[in-house]
């Protein structure tokens, strides 16, 4: 049995690393059948306080996976692991 997986990108407008991370996340999500979402940390005082020095931050099912750069192979492994428990 496989569990649903959601990849979350935490970033902000004008962040070139966020743009690069988004490309990887979209590709991995589409190829692996995962959902993905994006949140602008400037719209949440809590997210801004917690993550402003680390963006882009990648979460897999709500658990922090990576920050600054997204390693595609590591993200694929995390999605597969989350999917199969």
Protein backbone atom coordinates (compact mmCIF):
# COMPACT_ATOMS: atom_id res chain seq x y z
CA UNK A 1 0.00 0.00 0.00
CA UNK A 2 1.23 3.48 -0.82
CA UNK A 3 0.61 6.63 1.17
CA UNK A 4 -0.05 10.05 -0.38
CA UNK A 5 2.96 12.36 -0.46
CA UNK A 6 3.02 16.15 -0.49
CA UNK A 7 6.17 18.13 -1.20
CA UNK A 8 6.09 21.68 0.14
CA UNK A 9 8.30 24.53 -0.98
CA UNK A 10 8.77 27.41 1.45
CA UNK A 11 10.18 30.47 -0.26
CA UNK A 12 9.57 34.09 -1.16
CA UNK A 13 9.13 36.16 -4.31
CA UNK A 14 12.33 37.14 -6.11
CA UNK A 15 14.36 34.25 -4.69
CA UNK A 16 16.38 32.66 -7.51
CA UNK A 17 17.18 29.58 -5.42
CA UNK A 18 13.44 29.17 -4.85
CA UNK A 19 12.90 29.26 -8.62
CA UNK A 20 15.51 26.52 -9.07
CA UNK A 21 14.02 24.46 -6.24
CA UNK A 22 10.52 24.80 -7.75
CA UNK A 23 11.74 23.33 -11.06
CA UNK A 24 13.14 20.25 -9.30
CA UNK A 25 10.09 19.84 -7.06
CA UNK A 26 7.63 20.10 -9.96
CA UNK A 27 9.60 17.55 -11.98
CA UNK A 28 9.88 15.06 -9.10
CA UNK A 29 6.23 15.51 -8.08
CA UNK A 30 4.97 14.95 -11.62
CA UNK A 31 7.18 11.94 -12.28
CA UNK A 32 6.48 10.29 -8.92
CA UNK A 33 2.79 11.14 -8.62
CA UNK A 34 3.21 13.32 -5.54
CA UNK A 35 1.32 16.51 -4.75
CA UNK A 36 3.22 19.74 -4.27
CA UNK A 37 2.44 23.13 -2.80
CA UNK A 38 4.25 26.40 -2.25
CA UNK A 39 4.05 28.89 0.62
CA UNK A 40 5.41 32.44 0.64
CA UNK A 41 7.11 32.89 4.01
CA UNK A 42 6.60 36.67 3.83
CA UNK A 43 2.87 36.05 4.27
CA UNK A 44 3.29 34.31 7.63
CA UNK A 45 5.14 35.82 10.60
CA UNK A 46 5.77 32.32 11.98
CA UNK A 47 7.22 30.94 8.72
CA UNK A 48 9.25 34.12 8.21
CA UNK A 49 10.73 33.92 11.71
CA UNK A 50 11.46 30.23 11.46
CA UNK A 51 12.83 29.92 7.92
CA UNK A 52 14.02 33.30 6.58
CA UNK A 53 17.72 32.33 6.64
CA UNK A 54 17.17 28.89 5.10
CA UNK A 55 14.93 29.43 2.05
CA UNK A 56 14.15 27.67 -0.06
CA UNK A 57 13.07 24.99 2.39
CA UNK A 58 11.62 21.70 1.19
CA UNK A 59 9.26 19.63 3.31
CA UNK A 60 8.04 16.11 2.58
CA UNK A 61 4.71 15.42 4.27
CA UNK A 62 5.34 18.34 6.61
CA UNK A 63 8.82 17.24 7.73
CA UNK A 64 11.79 19.40 6.77
CA UNK A 65 13.81 17.63 4.12
CA UNK A 66 16.24 20.20 2.74
CA UNK A 67 17.12 23.89 2.61
CA UNK A 68 19.01 26.25 0.25
CA UNK A 69 19.29 23.76 -2.61
CA UNK A 70 17.20 20.75 -3.54
CA UNK A 71 19.11 17.61 -4.42
CA UNK A 72 16.85 15.80 -6.90
CA UNK A 73 18.10 12.29 -6.07
CA UNK A 74 17.67 12.85 -2.32
CA UNK A 75 14.18 14.27 -2.87
CA UNK A 76 13.21 11.24 -4.95
CA UNK A 77 14.45 8.94 -2.16
CA UNK A 78 12.50 10.90 0.47
CA UNK A 79 9.30 10.74 -1.59
CA UNK A 80 9.71 7.00 -2.15
CA UNK A 81 10.36 6.44 1.55
CA UNK A 82 7.35 8.56 2.58
CA UNK A 83 5.16 6.71 0.08
CA UNK A 84 6.07 3.26 1.40
CA UNK A 85 6.37 4.11 5.05
